[in-house]
């Protein structure tokens, strides 16, 4: 069953999901943009986040519209795009993706046949192709990668940083949230054991 509420503000280990995301990105990104709907704008803006909250230019058009909004609003040529519901982002892996971005318009992880377009780097060179897709009412993200110069990050590359692929774990249901809470507890227990020298 879907959460049925604003998941960005769901709490995990005393932090909201969006706070966890911003906390991970802040050391590696000059500016944080949070794209949200008009309906959720006041709620998200009132959360006092360390980032600029902007309203989606293409309401009701899914993540593709949100990506377009973020790219068009960003000051930089490249933007790192992640979902707000991904609590286990790996900063070293994100840095690696940023480092391999030059000469490409998009850098996207690929595990077998599965792409992770909401954990990817996009350039402003993607704006025209995305706008064209939106105007054609083609709202899937994957077609973008066929229209621009794309670097696919292989499973082997990902495994070096994140062997459990938790970077791509996202929260859509109450069960997902419970699983995330369990993972956080397990991580804390492992950290406590290491710090205790056991």
N, C-alpha and C. Protein backbone atom coordinates (compact mmCIF):
# COMPACT_ATOMS: atom_id res chain seq x y z
N UNK A 1 0.84 -1.20 0.00
CA UNK A 1 0.00 0.00 0.00
C UNK A 1 0.87 1.25 0.00
N UNK A 2 0.57 2.22 -0.86
CA UNK A 2 1.35 3.45 -0.95
C UNK A 2 1.19 4.25 0.33
N UNK A 3 2.17 5.11 0.61
CA UNK A 3 2.13 5.91 1.84
C UNK A 3 0.93 6.85 1.87
N UNK A 4 0.60 7.44 0.73
CA UNK A 4 -0.57 8.32 0.68
C UNK A 4 -0.40 9.65 1.39
N UNK A 5 0.86 10.04 1.62
CA UNK A 5 1.14 11.35 2.23
C UNK A 5 2.48 11.83 1.70
N UNK A 6 2.87 13.06 2.06
CA UNK A 6 4.10 13.65 1.54
C UNK A 6 5.31 12.90 2.10
N UNK A 7 5.88 12.01 1.30
CA UNK A 7 6.93 11.15 1.83
C UNK A 7 8.23 11.89 2.09
N UNK A 8 8.44 13.02 1.44
CA UNK A 8 9.66 13.79 1.69
C UNK A 8 9.79 14.17 3.17
N UNK A 9 8.64 14.29 3.84
CA UNK A 9 8.64 14.72 5.25
C UNK A 9 8.47 13.55 6.22
N UNK A 10 8.48 12.33 5.68
CA UNK A 10 8.48 11.15 6.57
C UNK A 10 9.79 11.12 7.34
N UNK A 11 9.72 10.70 8.60
CA UNK A 11 10.92 10.70 9.44
C UNK A 11 11.58 9.33 9.47
N UNK A 12 12.90 9.36 9.41
CA UNK A 12 13.71 8.16 9.52
C UNK A 12 14.88 8.50 10.42
N UNK A 13 14.91 7.89 11.59
CA UNK A 13 15.99 8.16 12.56
C UNK A 13 16.09 9.66 12.88
N UNK A 14 14.96 10.27 13.21
CA UNK A 14 14.86 11.67 13.67
C UNK A 14 15.03 12.72 12.58
N UNK A 15 15.30 12.28 11.36
CA UNK A 15 15.41 13.22 10.24
C UNK A 15 14.33 12.91 9.22
N UNK A 16 13.85 13.95 8.54
CA UNK A 16 12.94 13.67 7.43
C UNK A 16 13.77 13.13 6.26
N UNK A 17 13.10 12.45 5.34
CA UNK A 17 13.80 11.90 4.18
C UNK A 17 14.50 12.99 3.38
N UNK A 18 13.81 14.11 3.21
CA UNK A 18 14.40 15.20 2.43
C UNK A 18 15.62 15.80 3.16
N UNK A 19 15.57 15.85 4.49
CA UNK A 19 16.73 16.34 5.25
C UNK A 19 17.92 15.41 5.09
N UNK A 20 17.66 14.11 5.10
CA UNK A 20 18.74 13.13 4.89
C UNK A 20 19.36 13.32 3.51
N UNK A 21 18.51 13.52 2.51
CA UNK A 21 18.99 13.70 1.15
C UNK A 21 19.85 14.96 1.04
N UNK A 22 19.34 16.06 1.57
CA UNK A 22 20.08 17.32 1.52
C UNK A 22 21.39 17.21 2.29
N UNK A 23 21.36 16.53 3.43
CA UNK A 23 22.56 16.34 4.23
C UNK A 23 23.64 15.59 3.47
N UNK A 24 23.23 14.62 2.68
CA UNK A 24 24.20 13.85 1.87
C UNK A 24 24.75 14.70 0.73
N UNK A 25 23.88 15.49 0.09
CA UNK A 25 24.28 16.23 -1.11
C UNK A 25 25.06 17.51 -0.81
N UNK A 26 24.79 18.14 0.33
CA UNK A 26 25.37 19.47 0.61
C UNK A 26 26.89 19.54 0.46
N UNK A 27 27.65 18.54 0.93
CA UNK A 27 29.11 18.65 0.78
C UNK A 27 29.61 18.54 -0.66
N UNK A 28 28.78 18.03 -1.57
CA UNK A 28 29.27 17.83 -2.94
C UNK A 28 28.53 18.67 -3.99
N UNK A 29 27.51 19.41 -3.56
CA UNK A 29 26.74 20.24 -4.49
C UNK A 29 26.76 21.70 -4.03
N UNK A 30 26.99 22.61 -4.98
CA UNK A 30 27.05 24.03 -4.63
C UNK A 30 25.69 24.56 -4.20
N UNK A 31 24.65 24.12 -4.88
CA UNK A 31 23.29 24.59 -4.61
C UNK A 31 22.35 23.40 -4.60
N UNK A 32 21.40 23.43 -3.69
CA UNK A 32 20.38 22.37 -3.62
C UNK A 32 19.05 22.98 -4.07
N UNK A 33 18.42 22.36 -5.06
CA UNK A 33 17.09 22.75 -5.51
C UNK A 33 16.12 21.62 -5.17
N UNK A 34 15.00 21.97 -4.59
CA UNK A 34 13.96 20.99 -4.28
C UNK A 34 12.75 21.31 -5.16
N UNK A 35 12.44 20.42 -6.08
CA UNK A 35 11.32 20.63 -6.99
C UNK A 35 10.09 19.93 -6.40
N UNK A 36 9.01 20.67 -6.28
CA UNK A 36 7.79 20.11 -5.71
C UNK A 36 6.58 20.66 -6.45
N UNK A 37 5.43 20.11 -6.14
CA UNK A 37 4.19 20.57 -6.78
C UNK A 37 3.69 21.84 -6.11
N UNK A 38 2.81 22.55 -6.80
CA UNK A 38 2.19 23.74 -6.22
C UNK A 38 1.44 23.39 -4.94
N UNK A 39 0.80 22.22 -4.95
CA UNK A 39 0.00 21.80 -3.79
C UNK A 39 0.88 21.54 -2.57
N UNK A 40 2.10 21.05 -2.79
CA UNK A 40 2.99 20.71 -1.67
C UNK A 40 3.98 21.83 -1.34
N UNK A 41 3.97 22.91 -2.13
CA UNK A 41 5.00 23.94 -1.98
C UNK A 41 5.04 24.50 -0.56
N UNK A 42 3.90 24.93 -0.02
CA UNK A 42 3.89 25.56 1.30
C UNK A 42 4.37 24.61 2.39
N UNK A 43 3.97 23.35 2.27
CA UNK A 43 4.36 22.34 3.24
C UNK A 43 5.88 22.13 3.23
N UNK A 44 6.43 21.99 2.02
CA UNK A 44 7.88 21.77 1.89
C UNK A 44 8.65 23.03 2.26
N UNK A 45 8.17 24.18 1.81
CA UNK A 45 8.86 25.45 2.10
C UNK A 45 8.90 25.72 3.60
N UNK A 46 7.83 25.32 4.31
CA UNK A 46 7.74 25.57 5.75
C UNK A 46 8.67 24.66 6.56
N UNK A 47 9.24 23.66 5.91
CA UNK A 47 10.10 22.69 6.61
C UNK A 47 11.47 23.26 6.95
N UNK A 48 11.77 24.46 6.43
CA UNK A 48 13.05 25.11 6.75
C UNK A 48 14.25 24.37 6.20
N UNK A 49 14.16 23.89 4.99
CA UNK A 49 15.23 23.10 4.39
C UNK A 49 16.40 23.97 3.93
N UNK A 50 17.58 23.37 3.89
CA UNK A 50 18.76 24.07 3.37
C UNK A 50 18.80 23.89 1.86
N UNK A 51 17.90 24.53 1.19
CA UNK A 51 17.82 24.42 -0.26
C UNK A 51 16.71 25.33 -0.75
N UNK A 52 16.75 25.63 -2.05
CA UNK A 52 15.72 26.49 -2.64
C UNK A 52 14.58 25.62 -3.15
N UNK A 53 13.38 25.90 -2.69
CA UNK A 53 12.21 25.13 -3.08
C UNK A 53 11.55 25.81 -4.28
N UNK A 54 11.35 25.05 -5.35
CA UNK A 54 10.74 25.62 -6.56
C UNK A 54 9.57 24.74 -7.01
N UNK A 55 8.63 25.37 -7.69
CA UNK A 55 7.43 24.67 -8.14
C UNK A 55 7.66 24.09 -9.54
N UNK A 56 7.24 22.86 -9.71
CA UNK A 56 7.36 22.14 -10.98
C UNK A 56 6.72 22.95 -12.11
N UNK A 57 7.49 23.16 -13.20
CA UNK A 57 6.96 23.87 -14.37
C UNK A 57 5.89 23.07 -15.10
N UNK A 58 5.95 21.75 -14.94
CA UNK A 58 5.03 20.85 -15.67
C UNK A 58 4.24 20.01 -14.67
N UNK A 59 3.28 20.62 -13.97
CA UNK A 59 2.53 19.87 -12.96
C UNK A 59 1.79 18.67 -13.56
N UNK A 60 1.83 17.58 -12.81
CA UNK A 60 1.12 16.38 -13.25
C UNK A 60 1.79 15.63 -14.37
N UNK A 61 3.04 16.00 -14.71
CA UNK A 61 3.74 15.33 -15.82
C UNK A 61 4.84 14.40 -15.32
N UNK A 62 4.79 14.05 -14.06
CA UNK A 62 5.73 13.07 -13.52
C UNK A 62 7.14 13.61 -13.32
N UNK A 63 8.05 12.66 -13.10
CA UNK A 63 9.44 13.01 -12.78
C UNK A 63 10.14 13.74 -13.92
N UNK A 64 9.75 13.46 -15.16
CA UNK A 64 10.41 14.12 -16.30
C UNK A 64 10.22 15.63 -16.23
N UNK A 65 9.02 16.06 -15.88
CA UNK A 65 8.77 17.49 -15.71
C UNK A 65 9.58 18.08 -14.58
N UNK A 66 9.74 17.30 -13.51
CA UNK A 66 10.55 17.77 -12.38
C UNK A 66 12.01 17.92 -12.74
N UNK A 67 12.52 16.96 -13.53
CA UNK A 67 13.91 17.05 -13.97
C UNK A 67 14.11 18.28 -14.84
N UNK A 68 13.18 18.52 -15.76
CA UNK A 68 13.27 19.71 -16.62
C UNK A 68 13.29 20.98 -15.76
N UNK A 69 12.40 21.04 -14.78
CA UNK A 69 12.32 22.22 -13.90
C UNK A 69 13.62 22.46 -13.17
N UNK A 70 14.20 21.39 -12.64
CA UNK A 70 15.45 21.52 -11.91
C UNK A 70 16.59 21.98 -12.80
N UNK A 71 16.72 21.36 -13.98
CA UNK A 71 17.79 21.74 -14.90
C UNK A 71 17.65 23.18 -15.37
N UNK A 72 16.42 23.57 -15.69
CA UNK A 72 16.18 24.93 -16.19
C UNK A 72 16.41 25.98 -15.10
N UNK A 73 16.24 25.59 -13.84
CA UNK A 73 16.37 26.53 -12.73
C UNK A 73 17.79 26.58 -12.15
N UNK A 74 18.60 25.60 -12.49
CA UNK A 74 19.95 25.51 -11.91
C UNK A 74 20.89 26.53 -12.55
N UNK A 75 21.84 27.00 -11.75
CA UNK A 75 22.85 27.92 -12.25
C UNK A 75 23.97 27.18 -12.97
N UNK A 76 24.17 25.92 -12.62
CA UNK A 76 25.29 25.14 -13.17
C UNK A 76 24.88 24.42 -14.45
N UNK A 77 25.86 24.03 -15.24
CA UNK A 77 25.61 23.31 -16.49
C UNK A 77 25.17 21.88 -16.20
N UNK A 78 25.78 21.28 -15.16
CA UNK A 78 25.43 19.92 -14.76
C UNK A 78 24.63 19.92 -13.46
N UNK A 79 23.70 19.00 -13.36
CA UNK A 79 22.91 18.85 -12.14
C UNK A 79 22.85 17.37 -11.76
N UNK A 80 23.04 17.12 -10.48
CA UNK A 80 22.85 15.79 -9.93
C UNK A 80 21.39 15.69 -9.51
N UNK A 81 20.69 14.71 -10.03
CA UNK A 81 19.25 14.56 -9.77
C UNK A 81 19.02 13.28 -8.98
N UNK A 82 18.41 13.42 -7.80
CA UNK A 82 18.06 12.24 -6.99
C UNK A 82 16.64 12.41 -6.46
N UNK A 83 16.00 11.29 -6.17
CA UNK A 83 14.69 11.33 -5.54
C UNK A 83 14.82 11.68 -4.07
N UNK A 84 13.80 12.31 -3.52
CA UNK A 84 13.83 12.68 -2.10
C UNK A 84 13.55 11.48 -1.20
N UNK A 85 13.18 10.36 -1.81
CA UNK A 85 12.77 9.19 -1.03
C UNK A 85 13.83 8.09 -1.05
N UNK A 86 15.09 8.49 -1.24
CA UNK A 86 16.21 7.52 -1.32
C UNK A 86 17.12 7.76 -0.11
N UNK A 87 16.88 7.08 1.00
CA UNK A 87 17.56 7.42 2.25
C UNK A 87 18.99 6.92 2.39
N UNK A 88 19.46 6.09 1.44
CA UNK A 88 20.79 5.51 1.59
C UNK A 88 21.73 5.90 0.45
N UNK A 89 21.66 7.15 0.05
CA UNK A 89 22.57 7.65 -0.98
C UNK A 89 24.01 7.49 -0.51
N UNK A 90 24.89 7.18 -1.44
CA UNK A 90 26.30 6.95 -1.14
C UNK A 90 27.10 8.11 -1.72
N UNK A 91 27.62 8.94 -0.83
CA UNK A 91 28.28 10.18 -1.29
C UNK A 91 29.49 9.90 -2.17
N UNK A 92 30.27 8.86 -1.84
CA UNK A 92 31.45 8.54 -2.65
C UNK A 92 31.04 8.13 -4.06
N UNK A 93 29.96 7.36 -4.15
CA UNK A 93 29.48 6.95 -5.46
C UNK A 93 28.96 8.15 -6.25
N UNK A 94 28.25 9.05 -5.59
CA UNK A 94 27.76 10.26 -6.25
C UNK A 94 28.92 11.11 -6.76
N UNK A 95 29.98 11.22 -5.94
CA UNK A 95 31.17 11.97 -6.37
C UNK A 95 31.78 11.33 -7.62
N UNK A 96 31.84 10.01 -7.61
CA UNK A 96 32.39 9.29 -8.76
C UNK A 96 31.58 9.61 -10.02
N UNK A 97 30.25 9.60 -9.90
CA UNK A 97 29.40 9.91 -11.05
C UNK A 97 29.66 11.33 -11.55
N UNK A 98 29.81 12.27 -10.63
CA UNK A 98 30.10 13.65 -11.01
C UNK A 98 31.45 13.73 -11.73
N UNK A 99 32.43 12.99 -11.22
CA UNK A 99 33.79 13.04 -11.79
C UNK A 99 33.84 12.53 -13.22
N UNK A 100 32.97 11.57 -13.57
CA UNK A 100 33.03 11.01 -14.92
C UNK A 100 32.08 11.72 -15.89
N UNK A 101 31.47 12.79 -15.44
CA UNK A 101 30.46 13.49 -16.24
C UNK A 101 31.02 14.25 -17.45
N UNK A 102 32.19 14.91 -17.36
CA UNK A 102 32.65 15.68 -18.52
C UNK A 102 32.61 14.86 -19.81
N UNK A 103 32.21 15.52 -20.88
CA UNK A 103 32.06 14.92 -22.22
C UNK A 103 30.74 14.18 -22.41
N UNK A 104 29.88 14.18 -21.38
CA UNK A 104 28.59 13.51 -21.52
C UNK A 104 27.45 14.47 -21.13
N UNK A 105 26.28 14.19 -21.66
CA UNK A 105 25.09 14.97 -21.27
C UNK A 105 24.33 14.31 -20.13
N UNK A 106 24.54 13.01 -19.95
CA UNK A 106 23.86 12.29 -18.88
C UNK A 106 24.75 11.15 -18.40
N UNK A 107 24.74 10.93 -17.10
CA UNK A 107 25.43 9.79 -16.49
C UNK A 107 24.41 9.08 -15.63
N UNK A 108 24.13 7.81 -15.97
CA UNK A 108 23.06 7.10 -15.29
C UNK A 108 23.50 5.68 -14.94
N UNK A 109 23.24 5.24 -13.71
CA UNK A 109 23.56 3.86 -13.34
C UNK A 109 22.66 2.86 -14.06
N UNK A 110 23.27 1.72 -14.40
CA UNK A 110 22.51 0.65 -15.05
C UNK A 110 22.90 -0.68 -14.41
N UNK A 111 21.91 -1.35 -13.84
CA UNK A 111 22.13 -2.68 -13.27
C UNK A 111 21.34 -3.66 -14.13
N UNK A 112 22.08 -4.51 -14.85
CA UNK A 112 21.46 -5.39 -15.84
C UNK A 112 20.68 -4.53 -16.83
N UNK A 113 19.38 -4.69 -16.93
CA UNK A 113 18.60 -3.87 -17.86
C UNK A 113 17.87 -2.72 -17.17
N UNK A 114 18.14 -2.54 -15.89
CA UNK A 114 17.42 -1.54 -15.10
C UNK A 114 18.23 -0.24 -14.98
N UNK A 115 17.63 0.86 -15.44
CA UNK A 115 18.25 2.18 -15.31
C UNK A 115 17.77 2.85 -14.03
N UNK A 116 18.59 3.77 -13.51
CA UNK A 116 18.24 4.53 -12.31
C UNK A 116 18.24 6.03 -12.66
N UNK A 117 17.22 6.49 -13.41
CA UNK A 117 17.22 7.88 -13.89
C UNK A 117 16.98 8.92 -12.81
N UNK A 118 16.54 8.48 -11.62
CA UNK A 118 16.39 9.43 -10.51
C UNK A 118 17.56 9.33 -9.54
N UNK A 119 18.69 8.89 -10.09
CA UNK A 119 19.97 8.86 -9.38
C UNK A 119 21.01 9.06 -10.48
N UNK A 120 20.97 10.24 -11.10
CA UNK A 120 21.75 10.46 -12.31
C UNK A 120 22.21 11.92 -12.40
N UNK A 121 23.17 12.14 -13.30
CA UNK A 121 23.65 13.49 -13.59
C UNK A 121 23.15 13.87 -14.98
N UNK A 122 22.62 15.09 -15.09
CA UNK A 122 22.12 15.60 -16.38
C UNK A 122 22.76 16.95 -16.66
N UNK A 123 23.01 17.22 -17.92
CA UNK A 123 23.51 18.54 -18.32
C UNK A 123 22.35 19.37 -18.88
N UNK A 124 22.61 20.64 -19.04
CA UNK A 124 21.59 21.51 -19.65
C UNK A 124 21.35 21.14 -21.11
N UNK A 125 22.26 20.34 -21.67
CA UNK A 125 22.06 19.84 -23.02
C UNK A 125 20.86 18.90 -23.13
N UNK A 126 20.36 18.44 -21.98
CA UNK A 126 19.18 17.57 -21.97
C UNK A 126 17.87 18.36 -22.04
N UNK A 127 17.94 19.66 -21.84
CA UNK A 127 16.71 20.46 -21.75
C UNK A 127 15.85 20.37 -23.00
N UNK A 128 16.45 20.57 -24.17
CA UNK A 128 15.66 20.54 -25.41
C UNK A 128 15.03 19.17 -25.67
N UNK A 129 15.81 18.08 -25.56
CA UNK A 129 15.19 16.77 -25.76
C UNK A 129 14.08 16.47 -24.75
N UNK A 130 14.27 16.88 -23.49
CA UNK A 130 13.23 16.64 -22.48
C UNK A 130 11.98 17.44 -22.81
N UNK A 131 12.18 18.70 -23.21
CA UNK A 131 11.02 19.53 -23.56
C UNK A 131 10.26 18.93 -24.74
N UNK A 132 11.00 18.41 -25.70
CA UNK A 132 10.38 17.79 -26.86
C UNK A 132 9.53 16.58 -26.43
N UNK A 133 10.07 15.77 -25.54
CA UNK A 133 9.33 14.60 -25.05
C UNK A 133 8.08 15.03 -24.29
N UNK A 134 8.22 16.05 -23.46
CA UNK A 134 7.07 16.55 -22.70
C UNK A 134 5.98 17.07 -23.64
N UNK A 135 6.40 17.78 -24.68
CA UNK A 135 5.43 18.32 -25.64
C UNK A 135 4.72 17.21 -26.41
N UNK A 136 5.39 16.06 -26.53
CA UNK A 136 4.78 14.91 -27.20
C UNK A 136 4.00 14.02 -26.22
N UNK A 137 3.96 14.46 -24.96
CA UNK A 137 3.28 13.71 -23.90
C UNK A 137 3.93 12.34 -23.67
N UNK A 138 5.21 12.26 -23.94
CA UNK A 138 5.99 11.05 -23.65
C UNK A 138 6.73 11.31 -22.34
N UNK A 139 6.23 10.73 -21.26
CA UNK A 139 6.67 11.12 -19.93
C UNK A 139 7.70 10.18 -19.30
N UNK A 140 8.07 9.13 -20.00
CA UNK A 140 9.13 8.25 -19.49
C UNK A 140 10.47 8.95 -19.54
N UNK A 141 11.35 8.64 -18.61
CA UNK A 141 12.66 9.30 -18.57
C UNK A 141 13.66 8.60 -19.48
N UNK A 142 13.58 7.29 -19.58
CA UNK A 142 14.58 6.51 -20.33
C UNK A 142 14.80 6.98 -21.77
N UNK A 143 13.76 7.40 -22.52
CA UNK A 143 14.00 7.86 -23.90
C UNK A 143 14.99 9.02 -24.00
N UNK A 144 15.12 9.79 -22.93
CA UNK A 144 16.08 10.92 -22.95
C UNK A 144 17.48 10.42 -23.27
N UNK A 145 17.84 9.26 -22.72
CA UNK A 145 19.21 8.76 -22.85
C UNK A 145 19.56 8.35 -24.28
N UNK A 146 18.54 8.11 -25.08
CA UNK A 146 18.79 7.81 -26.50
C UNK A 146 18.95 9.07 -27.34
N UNK A 147 18.62 10.21 -26.75
CA UNK A 147 18.64 11.47 -27.49
C UNK A 147 19.86 12.33 -27.16
N UNK A 148 20.61 11.93 -26.15
CA UNK A 148 21.78 12.71 -25.73
C UNK A 148 22.98 11.77 -25.56
N UNK A 149 24.16 12.35 -25.41
CA UNK A 149 25.36 11.55 -25.18
C UNK A 149 25.35 11.05 -23.74
N UNK A 150 25.17 9.75 -23.57
CA UNK A 150 24.95 9.18 -22.25
C UNK A 150 26.07 8.23 -21.85
N UNK A 151 26.49 8.34 -20.62
CA UNK A 151 27.46 7.41 -20.03
C UNK A 151 26.70 6.54 -19.04
N UNK A 152 26.67 5.24 -19.31
CA UNK A 152 26.01 4.30 -18.40
C UNK A 152 27.03 3.81 -17.38
N UNK A 153 26.68 3.89 -16.11
CA UNK A 153 27.57 3.41 -15.05
C UNK A 153 27.25 1.93 -14.82
N UNK A 154 28.24 1.10 -15.00
CA UNK A 154 28.02 -0.34 -14.99
C UNK A 154 27.83 -0.89 -13.58
N UNK A 155 27.29 -2.08 -13.54
CA UNK A 155 27.08 -2.79 -12.26
C UNK A 155 28.40 -2.95 -11.52
N UNK A 156 29.47 -3.28 -12.24
CA UNK A 156 30.78 -3.46 -11.59
C UNK A 156 31.26 -2.16 -10.96
N UNK A 157 31.04 -1.04 -11.65
CA UNK A 157 31.44 0.26 -11.10
C UNK A 157 30.64 0.57 -9.83
N UNK A 158 29.34 0.30 -9.89
CA UNK A 158 28.47 0.58 -8.73
C UNK A 158 28.89 -0.27 -7.54
N UNK A 159 29.18 -1.55 -7.79
CA UNK A 159 29.50 -2.50 -6.72
C UNK A 159 30.72 -2.06 -5.91
N UNK A 160 31.67 -1.39 -6.55
CA UNK A 160 32.85 -0.92 -5.83
C UNK A 160 32.49 0.04 -4.69
N UNK A 161 31.42 0.78 -4.87
CA UNK A 161 31.00 1.76 -3.86
C UNK A 161 29.84 1.27 -3.01
N UNK A 162 28.97 0.50 -3.61
CA UNK A 162 27.71 0.15 -2.96
C UNK A 162 27.30 -1.28 -3.35
N UNK A 163 27.97 -2.28 -2.74
CA UNK A 163 27.72 -3.67 -3.14
C UNK A 163 26.30 -4.16 -2.89
N UNK A 164 25.58 -3.51 -1.99
CA UNK A 164 24.19 -3.91 -1.72
C UNK A 164 23.18 -3.10 -2.55
N UNK A 165 23.68 -2.13 -3.32
CA UNK A 165 22.84 -1.27 -4.17
C UNK A 165 21.77 -0.52 -3.36
N UNK A 166 22.12 -0.17 -2.13
CA UNK A 166 21.15 0.55 -1.28
C UNK A 166 20.95 1.99 -1.75
N UNK A 167 21.87 2.49 -2.57
CA UNK A 167 21.70 3.85 -3.11
C UNK A 167 20.35 4.00 -3.79
N UNK A 168 19.86 2.90 -4.37
CA UNK A 168 18.65 2.96 -5.20
C UNK A 168 17.40 2.53 -4.44
N UNK A 169 17.56 2.22 -3.16
CA UNK A 169 16.40 1.86 -2.35
C UNK A 169 15.54 3.10 -2.16
N UNK A 170 14.27 3.00 -2.52
CA UNK A 170 13.40 4.17 -2.31
C UNK A 170 12.14 3.76 -1.56
N UNK A 171 11.52 4.75 -0.94
CA UNK A 171 10.40 4.50 -0.04
C UNK A 171 9.09 4.92 -0.70
N UNK A 172 8.25 3.94 -0.94
CA UNK A 172 6.92 4.19 -1.51
C UNK A 172 5.80 3.71 -0.62
N UNK A 173 6.09 2.76 0.26
CA UNK A 173 5.04 2.16 1.09
C UNK A 173 5.45 2.16 2.56
N UNK A 174 4.51 1.84 3.42
CA UNK A 174 4.79 1.73 4.85
C UNK A 174 5.81 0.60 5.10
N UNK A 175 5.71 -0.47 4.32
CA UNK A 175 6.66 -1.58 4.46
C UNK A 175 8.08 -1.14 4.09
N UNK A 176 8.19 -0.30 3.05
CA UNK A 176 9.50 0.25 2.68
C UNK A 176 10.09 1.06 3.82
N UNK A 177 9.25 1.84 4.46
CA UNK A 177 9.70 2.68 5.57
C UNK A 177 10.18 1.81 6.73
N UNK A 178 9.45 0.74 7.02
CA UNK A 178 9.86 -0.19 8.09
C UNK A 178 11.19 -0.85 7.76
N UNK A 179 11.34 -1.24 6.49
CA UNK A 179 12.60 -1.86 6.07
C UNK A 179 13.76 -0.87 6.22
N UNK A 180 13.52 0.39 5.84
CA UNK A 180 14.55 1.43 5.97
C UNK A 180 14.93 1.63 7.44
N UNK A 181 13.93 1.64 8.32
CA UNK A 181 14.20 1.79 9.77
C UNK A 181 15.07 0.64 10.27
N UNK A 182 14.77 -0.56 9.80
CA UNK A 182 15.56 -1.74 10.19
C UNK A 182 17.00 -1.62 9.68
N UNK A 183 17.17 -1.17 8.44
CA UNK A 183 18.50 -1.00 7.87
C UNK A 183 19.31 0.05 8.64
N UNK A 184 18.64 1.14 9.04
CA UNK A 184 19.32 2.18 9.82
C UNK A 184 19.79 1.61 11.16
N UNK A 185 18.91 0.83 11.81
CA UNK A 185 19.29 0.22 13.10
C UNK A 185 20.48 -0.72 12.93
N UNK A 186 20.46 -1.53 11.87
CA UNK A 186 21.57 -2.45 11.62
C UNK A 186 22.87 -1.71 11.39
N UNK A 187 22.80 -0.61 10.65
CA UNK A 187 24.01 0.20 10.40
C UNK A 187 24.54 0.78 11.70
N UNK A 188 23.63 1.27 12.55
CA UNK A 188 24.04 1.86 13.83
C UNK A 188 24.68 0.80 14.73
N UNK A 189 24.11 -0.40 14.71
CA UNK A 189 24.66 -1.49 15.53
C UNK A 189 26.05 -1.87 15.06
N UNK A 190 26.24 -1.93 13.72
CA UNK A 190 27.57 -2.26 13.19
C UNK A 190 28.58 -1.17 13.56
N UNK A 191 28.14 0.09 13.49
CA UNK A 191 29.02 1.21 13.85
C UNK A 191 29.39 1.14 15.32
N UNK A 192 28.42 0.84 16.18
CA UNK A 192 28.67 0.73 17.62
C UNK A 192 29.67 -0.38 17.91
N UNK A 193 29.51 -1.51 17.23
CA UNK A 193 30.43 -2.63 17.41
C UNK A 193 31.85 -2.23 16.99
N UNK A 194 31.98 -1.55 15.84
CA UNK A 194 33.30 -1.13 15.38
C UNK A 194 33.94 -0.14 16.34
N UNK A 195 33.14 0.82 16.82
CA UNK A 195 33.67 1.83 17.73
C UNK A 195 34.06 1.21 19.07
N UNK A 196 33.35 0.14 19.44
CA UNK A 196 33.67 -0.54 20.71
C UNK A 196 34.88 -1.44 20.59
N UNK A 197 35.37 -1.60 19.37
CA UNK A 197 36.57 -2.41 19.17
C UNK A 197 36.34 -3.89 19.31
N UNK A 198 35.10 -4.30 19.14
CA UNK A 198 34.79 -5.74 19.30
C UNK A 198 35.03 -6.45 17.97
